Every structure is written in C-alpha cells, then in structure tokens.
Amino acid sequence: MTLADALLINTLSVCMELILDKKTRDTITNLTRYITLILKMAPCVRVYGQVMFCKDVINPNFNLEKQKEKPKEKPKQEKGKE
C-alpha cells in the first residue's frame, strides 16, 4: 500500500459512509471494489475499524427560520447613586 492509497482511502472512506449510497456505488463499481479491498487490509482495519457504507444519502435540513431566533437581551443594570 502506498501513500497515495492511504490518502485516497482516507478521503473516500468518509464519502462512502455519508454520501455515496448503494445506487451511486453501483455506478462506480471499480472504485467501490478498490476501496473495499483496501479497507480490508490489516493497517486500515487498525486505523478505521470496520467502515459501514451508507444505505441512504443524508439530506441536511437548512431551515433558516429556526436558526434566526434572536438572542435574549440581558436586562440593563442601573447604576446606584454613590
């Protein structure tokens, strides 16, 4: 295994876990086979453990209405007379 293999696996293992679902992986069969082969090697198993490929694509919710809540204002403290 070369340094290029390690870099490629490091990048693509996250993609396989989060983004590339079964339908997409079926279109890139050679790359999927290569990644599966490398991830089964002992050095990769020690580092990554068992990588679980995603079944469905994760769709983030970018609902901005919930995020636009105004922060609560702190009550103003009155200065006492000295």
PDB file of N, CA and C in Angstrom:
ATOM      1  N   MET A   1       0.852  -1.167   0.000  1.00  0.00           N
ATOM      2  CA  MET A   1       0.000   0.000   0.000  1.00  0.00           C
ATOM      3  C   MET A   1       0.901   1.233   0.000  1.00  0.00           C
ATOM      4  N   THR A   2       0.589   2.176  -0.854  1.00  0.00           N
ATOM      5  CA  THR A   2       1.401   3.383  -0.977  1.00  0.00           C
ATOM      6  C   THR A   2       0.767   4.533  -0.213  1.00  0.00           C
ATOM      7  N   LEU A   3       1.490   5.629  -0.153  1.00  0.00           N
ATOM      8  CA  LEU A   3       0.973   6.830   0.487  1.00  0.00           C
ATOM      9  C   LEU A   3      -0.239   7.369  -0.284  1.00  0.00           C
ATOM     10  N   ALA A   4      -0.215   7.231  -1.593  1.00  0.00           N
ATOM     11  CA  ALA A   4      -1.349   7.662  -2.409  1.00  0.00           C
ATOM     12  C   ALA A   4      -2.598   6.842  -2.090  1.00  0.00           C
ATOM     13  N   ASP A   5      -2.436   5.546  -1.877  1.00  0.00           N
ATOM     14  CA  ASP A   5      -3.567   4.702  -1.484  1.00  0.00           C
ATOM     15  C   ASP A   5      -4.144   5.166  -0.151  1.00  0.00           C
ATOM     16  N   ALA A   6      -3.268   5.437   0.804  1.00  0.00           N
ATOM     17  CA  ALA A   6      -3.718   5.867   2.128  1.00  0.00           C
ATOM     18  C   ALA A   6      -4.472   7.193   2.050  1.00  0.00           C
ATOM     19  N   LEU A   7      -3.979   8.120   1.264  1.00  0.00           N
ATOM     20  CA  LEU A   7      -4.641   9.416   1.116  1.00  0.00           C
ATOM     21  C   LEU A   7      -6.004   9.256   0.449  1.00  0.00           C
ATOM     22  N   LEU A   8      -6.062   8.446  -0.576  1.00  0.00           N
ATOM     23  CA  LEU A   8      -7.323   8.216  -1.282  1.00  0.00           C
ATOM     24  C   LEU A   8      -8.344   7.535  -0.383  1.00  0.00           C
ATOM     25  N   ILE A   9      -7.929   6.541   0.356  1.00  0.00           N
ATOM     26  CA  ILE A   9      -8.836   5.823   1.252  1.00  0.00           C
ATOM     27  C   ILE A   9      -9.296   6.735   2.379  1.00  0.00           C
ATOM     28  N   ASN A  10      -8.404   7.561   2.897  1.00  0.00           N
ATOM     29  CA  ASN A  10      -8.765   8.492   3.957  1.00  0.00           C
ATOM     30  C   ASN A  10      -9.866   9.442   3.497  1.00  0.00           C
ATOM     31  N   THR A  11      -9.778   9.911   2.285  1.00  0.00           N
ATOM     32  CA  THR A  11     -10.770  10.834   1.739  1.00  0.00           C
ATOM     33  C   THR A  11     -12.068  10.121   1.382  1.00  0.00           C
ATOM     34  N   LEU A  12     -11.964   9.003   0.705  1.00  0.00           N
ATOM     35  CA  LEU A  12     -13.154   8.341   0.193  1.00  0.00           C
ATOM     36  C   LEU A  12     -13.909   7.523   1.236  1.00  0.00           C
ATOM     37  N   SER A  13     -13.266   7.123   2.311  1.00  0.00           N
ATOM     38  CA  SER A  13     -13.988   6.342   3.322  1.00  0.00           C
ATOM     39  C   SER A  13     -15.087   7.176   3.968  1.00  0.00           C
ATOM     40  N   VAL A  14     -14.827   8.447   4.182  1.00  0.00           N
ATOM     41  CA  VAL A  14     -15.850   9.338   4.743  1.00  0.00           C
ATOM     42  C   VAL A  14     -16.987   9.522   3.748  1.00  0.00           C
ATOM     43  N   CYS A  15     -16.649   9.660   2.476  1.00  0.00           N
ATOM     44  CA  CYS A  15     -17.679   9.797   1.440  1.00  0.00           C
ATOM     45  C   CYS A  15     -18.542   8.546   1.362  1.00  0.00           C
ATOM     46  N   MET A  16     -17.923   7.385   1.483  1.00  0.00           N
ATOM     47  CA  MET A  16     -18.676   6.135   1.423  1.00  0.00           C
ATOM     48  C   MET A  16     -19.603   5.987   2.627  1.00  0.00           C
ATOM     49  N   GLU A  17     -19.196   6.515   3.771  1.00  0.00           N
ATOM     50  CA  GLU A  17     -20.023   6.416   4.970  1.00  0.00           C
ATOM     51  C   GLU A  17     -21.196   7.397   4.950  1.00  0.00           C
ATOM     52  N   LEU A  18     -21.005   8.574   4.366  1.00  0.00           N
ATOM     53  CA  LEU A  18     -22.013   9.619   4.486  1.00  0.00           C
ATOM     54  C   LEU A  18     -22.773   9.955   3.212  1.00  0.00           C
ATOM     55  N   ILE A  19     -22.140   9.860   2.047  1.00  0.00           N
ATOM     56  CA  ILE A  19     -22.737  10.418   0.833  1.00  0.00           C
ATOM     57  C   ILE A  19     -23.066   9.383  -0.223  1.00  0.00           C
ATOM     58  N   LEU A  20     -22.125   8.510  -0.533  1.00  0.00           N
ATOM     59  CA  LEU A  20     -22.298   7.599  -1.658  1.00  0.00           C
ATOM     60  C   LEU A  20     -23.159   6.402  -1.272  1.00  0.00           C
ATOM     61  N   ASP A  21     -24.421   6.450  -1.655  1.00  0.00           N
ATOM     62  CA  ASP A  21     -25.343   5.371  -1.318  1.00  0.00           C
ATOM     63  C   ASP A  21     -25.166   4.199  -2.278  1.00  0.00           C
ATOM     64  N   LYS A  22     -25.929   3.152  -2.067  1.00  0.00           N
ATOM     65  CA  LYS A  22     -25.808   1.919  -2.856  1.00  0.00           C
ATOM     66  C   LYS A  22     -26.016   2.179  -4.342  1.00  0.00           C
ATOM     67  N   LYS A  23     -26.981   3.008  -4.685  1.00  0.00           N
ATOM     68  CA  LYS A  23     -27.270   3.311  -6.089  1.00  0.00           C
ATOM     69  C   LYS A  23     -26.070   3.986  -6.765  1.00  0.00           C
ATOM     70  N   THR A  24     -25.448   4.911  -6.070  1.00  0.00           N
ATOM     71  CA  THR A  24     -24.278   5.609  -6.625  1.00  0.00           C
ATOM     72  C   THR A  24     -23.079   4.689  -6.690  1.00  0.00           C
ATOM     73  N   ARG A  25     -22.887   3.861  -5.660  1.00  0.00           N
ATOM     74  CA  ARG A  25     -21.751   2.944  -5.664  1.00  0.00           C
ATOM     75  C   ARG A  25     -21.854   1.915  -6.776  1.00  0.00           C
ATOM     76  N   ASP A  26     -23.076   1.576  -7.192  1.00  0.00           N
ATOM     77  CA  ASP A  26     -23.242   0.632  -8.300  1.00  0.00           C
ATOM     78  C   ASP A  26     -22.779   1.217  -9.627  1.00  0.00           C
ATOM     79  N   THR A  27     -22.734   2.530  -9.733  1.00  0.00           N
ATOM     80  CA  THR A  27     -22.265   3.157 -10.975  1.00  0.00           C
ATOM     81  C   THR A  27     -20.744   3.258 -11.026  1.00  0.00           C
ATOM     82  N   ILE A  28     -20.093   3.188  -9.869  1.00  0.00           N
ATOM     83  CA  ILE A  28     -18.626   3.267  -9.816  1.00  0.00           C
ATOM     84  C   ILE A  28     -18.081   1.963  -9.225  1.00  0.00           C
ATOM     85  N   THR A  29     -18.335   0.884  -9.913  1.00  0.00           N
ATOM     86  CA  THR A  29     -18.020  -0.446  -9.381  1.00  0.00           C
ATOM     87  C   THR A  29     -16.527  -0.665  -9.149  1.00  0.00           C
ATOM     88  N   ASN A  30     -15.687  -0.199 -10.054  1.00  0.00           N
ATOM     89  CA  ASN A  30     -14.242  -0.417  -9.889  1.00  0.00           C
ATOM     90  C   ASN A  30     -13.707   0.315  -8.664  1.00  0.00           C
ATOM     91  N   LEU A  31     -14.153   1.554  -8.460  1.00  0.00           N
ATOM     92  CA  LEU A  31     -13.708   2.324  -7.299  1.00  0.00           C
ATOM     93  C   LEU A  31     -14.228   1.707  -6.004  1.00  0.00           C
ATOM     94  N   THR A  32     -15.457   1.254  -6.013  1.00  0.00           N
ATOM     95  CA  THR A  32     -16.036   0.605  -4.836  1.00  0.00           C
ATOM     96  C   THR A  32     -15.281  -0.671  -4.485  1.00  0.00           C
ATOM     97  N   ARG A  33     -14.956  -1.466  -5.493  1.00  0.00           N
ATOM     98  CA  ARG A  33     -14.201  -2.704  -5.266  1.00  0.00           C
ATOM     99  C   ARG A  33     -12.824  -2.394  -4.702  1.00  0.00           C
ATOM    100  N   TYR A  34     -12.162  -1.371  -5.243  1.00  0.00           N
ATOM    101  CA  TYR A  34     -10.832  -0.958  -4.794  1.00  0.00           C
ATOM    102  C   TYR A  34     -10.875  -0.506  -3.329  1.00  0.00           C
ATOM    103  N   ILE A  35     -11.846   0.325  -2.982  1.00  0.00           N
ATOM    104  CA  ILE A  35     -11.945   0.835  -1.616  1.00  0.00           C
ATOM    105  C   ILE A  35     -12.237  -0.308  -0.641  1.00  0.00           C
ATOM    106  N   THR A  36     -13.137  -1.199  -1.029  1.00  0.00           N
ATOM    107  CA  THR A  36     -13.464  -2.343  -0.183  1.00  0.00           C
ATOM    108  C   THR A  36     -12.242  -3.219   0.048  1.00  0.00           C
ATOM    109  N   LEU A  37     -11.466  -3.441  -0.996  1.00  0.00           N
ATOM    110  CA  LEU A  37     -10.261  -4.257  -0.892  1.00  0.00           C
ATOM    111  C   LEU A  37      -9.237  -3.621   0.049  1.00  0.00           C
ATOM    112  N   ILE A  38      -8.992  -2.340  -0.111  1.00  0.00           N
ATOM    113  CA  ILE A  38      -8.002  -1.652   0.720  1.00  0.00           C
ATOM    114  C   ILE A  38      -8.468  -1.589   2.175  1.00  0.00           C
ATOM    115  N   LEU A  39      -9.760  -1.328   2.407  1.00  0.00           N
ATOM    116  CA  LEU A  39     -10.266  -1.214   3.776  1.00  0.00           C
ATOM    117  C   LEU A  39     -10.230  -2.545   4.530  1.00  0.00           C
ATOM    118  N   LYS A  40     -10.095  -3.662   3.823  1.00  0.00           N
ATOM    119  CA  LYS A  40      -9.994  -4.966   4.485  1.00  0.00           C
ATOM    120  C   LYS A  40      -8.563  -5.312   4.873  1.00  0.00           C
ATOM    121  N   MET A  41      -7.582  -4.531   4.419  1.00  0.00           N
ATOM    122  CA  MET A  41      -6.189  -4.774   4.779  1.00  0.00           C
ATOM    123  C   MET A  41      -5.962  -4.446   6.256  1.00  0.00           C
ATOM    124  N   ALA A  42      -5.037  -5.155   6.870  1.00  0.00           N
ATOM    125  CA  ALA A  42      -4.788  -5.036   8.306  1.00  0.00           C
ATOM    126  C   ALA A  42      -4.464  -3.605   8.764  1.00  0.00           C
ATOM    127  N   PRO A  43      -3.591  -2.857   8.071  1.00  0.00           N
ATOM    128  CA  PRO A  43      -3.316  -1.496   8.549  1.00  0.00           C
ATOM    129  C   PRO A  43      -4.561  -0.604   8.565  1.00  0.00           C
ATOM    130  N   CYS A  44      -5.409  -0.757   7.568  1.00  0.00           N
ATOM    131  CA  CYS A  44      -6.627   0.059   7.507  1.00  0.00           C
ATOM    132  C   CYS A  44      -7.630  -0.369   8.569  1.00  0.00           C
ATOM    133  N   VAL A  45      -7.698  -1.657   8.850  1.00  0.00           N
ATOM    134  CA  VAL A  45      -8.613  -2.135   9.884  1.00  0.00           C
ATOM    135  C   VAL A  45      -8.199  -1.582  11.238  1.00  0.00           C
ATOM    136  N   ARG A  46      -6.889  -1.497  11.484  1.00  0.00           N
ATOM    137  CA  ARG A  46      -6.404  -0.941  12.745  1.00  0.00           C
ATOM    138  C   ARG A  46      -6.765   0.534  12.881  1.00  0.00           C
ATOM    139  N   VAL A  47      -6.693   1.273  11.786  1.00  0.00           N
ATOM    140  CA  VAL A  47      -6.942   2.714  11.838  1.00  0.00           C
ATOM    141  C   VAL A  47      -8.431   3.037  11.792  1.00  0.00           C
ATOM    142  N   TYR A  48      -9.160   2.471  10.846  1.00  0.00           N
ATOM    143  CA  TYR A  48     -10.557   2.842  10.603  1.00  0.00           C
ATOM    144  C   TYR A  48     -11.563   1.911  11.268  1.00  0.00           C
ATOM    145  N   GLY A  49     -11.144   0.731  11.655  1.00  0.00           N
ATOM    146  CA  GLY A  49     -12.099  -0.241  12.144  1.00  0.00           C
ATOM    147  C   GLY A  49     -12.916  -0.758  10.966  1.00  0.00           C
ATOM    148  N   GLN A  50     -14.149  -1.146  11.228  1.00  0.00           N
ATOM    149  CA  GLN A  50     -14.995  -1.598  10.133  1.00  0.00           C
ATOM    150  C   GLN A  50     -15.818  -0.417   9.635  1.00  0.00           C
ATOM    151  N   VAL A  51     -15.617  -0.038   8.394  1.00  0.00           N
ATOM    152  CA  VAL A  51     -16.329   1.087   7.797  1.00  0.00           C
ATOM    153  C   VAL A  51     -17.674   0.593   7.290  1.00  0.00           C
ATOM    154  N   MET A  52     -18.731   1.240   7.729  1.00  0.00           N
ATOM    155  CA  MET A  52     -20.078   0.891   7.300  1.00  0.00           C
ATOM    156  C   MET A  52     -20.482   1.844   6.183  1.00  0.00           C
ATOM    157  N   PHE A  53     -20.737   1.309   5.003  1.00  0.00           N
ATOM    158  CA  PHE A  53     -21.159   2.137   3.881  1.00  0.00           C
ATOM    159  C   PHE A  53     -22.597   2.582   4.096  1.00  0.00           C
ATOM    160  N   CYS A  54     -22.921   3.785   3.622  1.00  0.00           N
ATOM    161  CA  CYS A  54     -24.263   4.325   3.861  1.00  0.00           C
ATOM    162  C   CYS A  54     -25.293   3.638   2.978  1.00  0.00           C
ATOM    163  N   LYS A  55     -26.515   3.579   3.494  1.00  0.00           N
ATOM    164  CA  LYS A  55     -27.616   2.990   2.753  1.00  0.00           C
ATOM    165  C   LYS A  55     -28.435   4.074   2.061  1.00  0.00           C
ATOM    166  N   ASP A  56     -28.606   5.205   2.742  1.00  0.00           N
ATOM    167  CA  ASP A  56     -29.355   6.334   2.195  1.00  0.00           C
ATOM    168  C   ASP A  56     -28.515   7.589   2.298  1.00  0.00           C
ATOM    169  N   VAL A  57     -28.717   8.494   1.363  1.00  0.00           N
ATOM    170  CA  VAL A  57     -27.993   9.754   1.370  1.00  0.00           C
ATOM    171  C   VAL A  57     -28.521  10.619   2.511  1.00  0.00           C
ATOM    172  N   ILE A  58     -27.615  11.279   3.213  1.00  0.00           N
ATOM    173  CA  ILE A  58     -28.004  12.173   4.288  1.00  0.00           C
ATOM    174  C   ILE A  58     -28.406  13.508   3.670  1.00  0.00           C
ATOM    175  N   ASN A  59     -29.626  13.947   3.943  1.00  0.00           N
ATOM    176  CA  ASN A  59     -30.109  15.227   3.440  1.00  0.00           C
ATOM    177  C   ASN A  59     -30.211  16.211   4.600  1.00  0.00           C
ATOM    178  N   PRO A  60     -29.310  17.164   4.674  1.00  0.00           N
ATOM    179  CA  PRO A  60     -29.349  18.112   5.781  1.00  0.00           C
ATOM    180  C   PRO A  60     -30.560  19.039   5.665  1.00  0.00           C
ATOM    181  N   ASN A  61     -31.050  19.513   6.794  1.00  0.00           N
ATOM    182  CA  ASN A  61     -32.177  20.422   6.840  1.00  0.00           C
ATOM    183  C   ASN A  61     -31.639  21.831   7.075  1.00  0.00           C
ATOM    184  N   PHE A  62     -31.760  22.666   6.069  1.00  0.00           N
ATOM    185  CA  PHE A  62     -31.281  24.039   6.175  1.00  0.00           C
ATOM    186  C   PHE A  62     -32.442  24.991   6.418  1.00  0.00           C
ATOM    187  N   ASN A  63     -33.239  24.702   7.428  1.00  0.00           N
ATOM    188  CA  ASN A  63     -34.366  25.541   7.763  1.00  0.00           C
ATOM    189  C   ASN A  63     -33.851  26.745   8.538  1.00  0.00           C
ATOM    190  N   LEU A  64     -33.825  27.902   7.887  1.00  0.00           N
ATOM    191  CA  LEU A  64     -33.229  29.084   8.492  1.00  0.00           C
ATOM    192  C   LEU A  64     -34.143  29.758   9.498  1.00  0.00           C
ATOM    193  N   GLU A  65     -35.442  29.483   9.469  1.00  0.00           N
ATOM    194  CA  GLU A  65     -36.358  30.135  10.390  1.00  0.00           C
ATOM    195  C   GLU A  65     -36.037  29.775  11.838  1.00  0.00           C
ATOM    196  N   LYS A  66     -35.679  28.543  12.085  1.00  0.00           N
ATOM    197  CA  LYS A  66     -35.340  28.120  13.437  1.00  0.00           C
ATOM    198  C   LYS A  66     -34.012  28.714  13.887  1.00  0.00           C
ATOM    199  N   GLN A  67     -33.113  28.932  12.948  1.00  0.00           N
ATOM    200  CA  GLN A  67     -31.793  29.430  13.295  1.00  0.00           C
ATOM    201  C   GLN A  67     -31.787  30.935  13.508  1.00  0.00           C
ATOM    202  N   LYS A  68     -32.813  31.644  13.049  1.00  0.00           N
ATOM    203  CA  LYS A  68     -32.833  33.099  13.140  1.00  0.00           C
ATOM    204  C   LYS A  68     -33.427  33.605  14.443  1.00  0.00           C
ATOM    205  N   GLU A  69     -33.578  32.749  15.437  1.00  0.00           N
ATOM    206  CA  GLU A  69     -34.102  33.196  16.714  1.00  0.00           C
ATOM    207  C   GLU A  69     -33.169  34.250  17.302  1.00  0.00           C
ATOM    208  N   LYS A  70     -33.774  35.330  17.775  1.00  0.00           N
ATOM    209  CA  LYS A  70     -32.973  36.416  18.338  1.00  0.00           C
ATOM    210  C   LYS A  70     -32.471  36.019  19.725  1.00  0.00           C
ATOM    211  N   PRO A  71     -31.242  36.372  20.029  1.00  0.00           N
ATOM    212  CA  PRO A  71     -30.738  36.066  21.367  1.00  0.00           C
ATOM    213  C   PRO A  71     -31.471  36.928  22.401  1.00  0.00           C
ATOM    214  N   LYS A  72     -31.676  36.363  23.571  1.00  0.00           N
ATOM    215  CA  LYS A  72     -32.362  37.107  24.626  1.00  0.00           C
ATOM    216  C   LYS A  72     -31.471  38.233  25.104  1.00  0.00           C
ATOM    217  N   GLU A  73     -32.093  39.404  25.271  1.00  0.00           N
ATOM    218  CA  GLU A  73     -31.335  40.561  25.736  1.00  0.00           C
ATOM    219  C   GLU A  73     -31.177  40.491  27.247  1.00  0.00           C
ATOM    220  N   LYS A  74     -30.014  40.864  27.704  1.00  0.00           N
ATOM    221  CA  LYS A  74     -29.760  40.891  29.137  1.00  0.00           C
ATOM    222  C   LYS A  74     -30.395  42.155  29.718  1.00  0.00           C
ATOM    223  N   PRO A  75     -31.004  42.061  30.883  1.00  0.00           N
ATOM    224  CA  PRO A  75     -31.587  43.275  31.479  1.00  0.00           C
ATOM    225  C   PRO A  75     -30.486  44.270  31.827  1.00  0.00           C
ATOM    226  N   LYS A  76     -30.797  45.529  31.577  1.00  0.00           N
ATOM    227  CA  LYS A  76     -29.809  46.576  31.854  1.00  0.00           C
ATOM    228  C   LYS A  76     -29.726  46.804  33.346  1.00  0.00           C
ATOM    229  N   GLN A  77     -28.521  46.888  33.831  1.00  0.00           N
ATOM    230  CA  GLN A  77     -28.316  47.138  35.249  1.00  0.00           C
ATOM    231  C   GLN A  77     -28.220  48.635  35.481  1.00  0.00           C
ATOM    232  N   GLU A  78     -28.967  49.123  36.445  1.00  0.00           N
ATOM    233  CA  GLU A  78     -28.918  50.547  36.759  1.00  0.00           C
ATOM    234  C   GLU A  78     -27.787  50.782  37.736  1.00  0.00           C
ATOM    235  N   LYS A  79     -27.101  51.871  37.485  1.00  0.00           N
ATOM    236  CA  LYS A  79     -26.000  52.218  38.389  1.00  0.00           C
ATOM    237  C   LYS A  79     -26.568  52.897  39.626  1.00  0.00           C
ATOM    238  N   GLY A  80     -26.138  52.440  40.759  1.00  0.00           N
ATOM    239  CA  GLY A  80     -26.599  53.034  42.029  1.00  0.00           C
ATOM    240  C   GLY A  80     -25.921  54.369  42.281  1.00  0.00           C
ATOM    241  N   LYS A  81     -26.600  55.229  43.053  1.00  0.00           N
ATOM    242  CA  LYS A  81     -26.023  56.536  43.387  1.00  0.00           C
ATOM    243  C   LYS A  81     -24.990  56.341  44.466  1.00  0.00           C
ATOM    244  N   GLU A  82     -23.892  57.008  44.316  1.00  0.00           N
ATOM    245  CA  GLU A  82     -22.804  56.861  45.287  1.00  0.00           C
ATOM    246  C   GLU A  82     -22.766  58.004  46.232  1.00  0.00           C
TER     247      GLU A  82
END
